[in-house]
Amino acid sequence: MSAHSAGQPAASARPLPPALAAGPLVRMAEGTVAMAQAELRKLRHDHLDIVTRSVQPLLWLFIFGTALRNNHVLATGAKDYRAYLAPGVMAQAAMFIAIFYGLSVIWERDVGQLQRLLATPLSRTSIVLGKAAGACVRALVQAVLLLIVLAATGIGLRWNVAGILGALAMLILGTASFACMSMLLASAVKERERFMGIGQLIMMPLFFASSALYPLSLMPGWLHVIARINPLTYEVQGLRQMLVGVGGSGEVWLDFLVVAGFFAVMLAAATRAYPKAIL
């Protein structure tokens, strides 16, 4: 009895494994980093996809934007409509990546990889955040390439470090939000073809019912109301205010707050729905 009693404190004093000793936030962060690294490894073998996706915003910018270059009604304060348009096409291209990121969830379910992933000790939030980080990396690479082209062609953006970093932070937040929305959709849609159709149905109204192409002041009343509840509008307004200095009321903090709130809602919904993707 005495030997057993003496052994008990020693057993209780044994240190816990690092994974268990760490708090839930630390475990979630470690899981997110692990998932993001896995997504980055995929990205290293997919250079062609990044290049081809980067062509789309350039086409919008240099064909559509050049055709309306001298339209001062659309530019609303910018000397060149292409400068006004650049933040919009940057956000649109990132949203295009994010909206269709849920296809990877459907593919992983079809090959059995999703079932193995959900059986790991990683939290569901870590898995969703890690996959959203993969979409953000792709969007960042695309945005940097677009900014390099804008600088090379002399399109008049505000080239200051704080503005560029703030715009990239806004782009990350917006891309992560739409990536979580895509994973939420993928948990309910089982066929890739149906997902593609629904993704297009969601993406195009979000894009055209926002301030990506034209200012809100030009919209009819009913469309203005829709644009005001469209999270893409606030992402574009924040990007445009930081990169061009026009296009919003100057309240960048409000744009960040709205996009961050949208991200929190989508993250919670995707985390809750993600296990249903295997059913």
Foldseek 3Di string as FASTA:
>chain_A
DVVVVVVVVVVVPDDDPPCVVDDPVVLLVVLLVVLLVVLVVVVVVPVVVLVVLLVVLVCCLCPVQVVCQPVCQFCVPFRGLSLLQNLLSLLLSLLVLQLLLLVVLLVCLVVVNLVVVVPDPHALLSNLSNSLSSSLVSSLVSSVVSVVVCVVVVRDWDPDDVLVVQLSVLSSLLSSLSNLVNLLVLLVDNDSVVSVVVSVVVSPCLSVLASNRGALVPDPPVSSVVHVLRLSNLSSQLNSCSTHVDRDPNPNVVSVVSSNVSSVVSSVSSSVSNVSSND
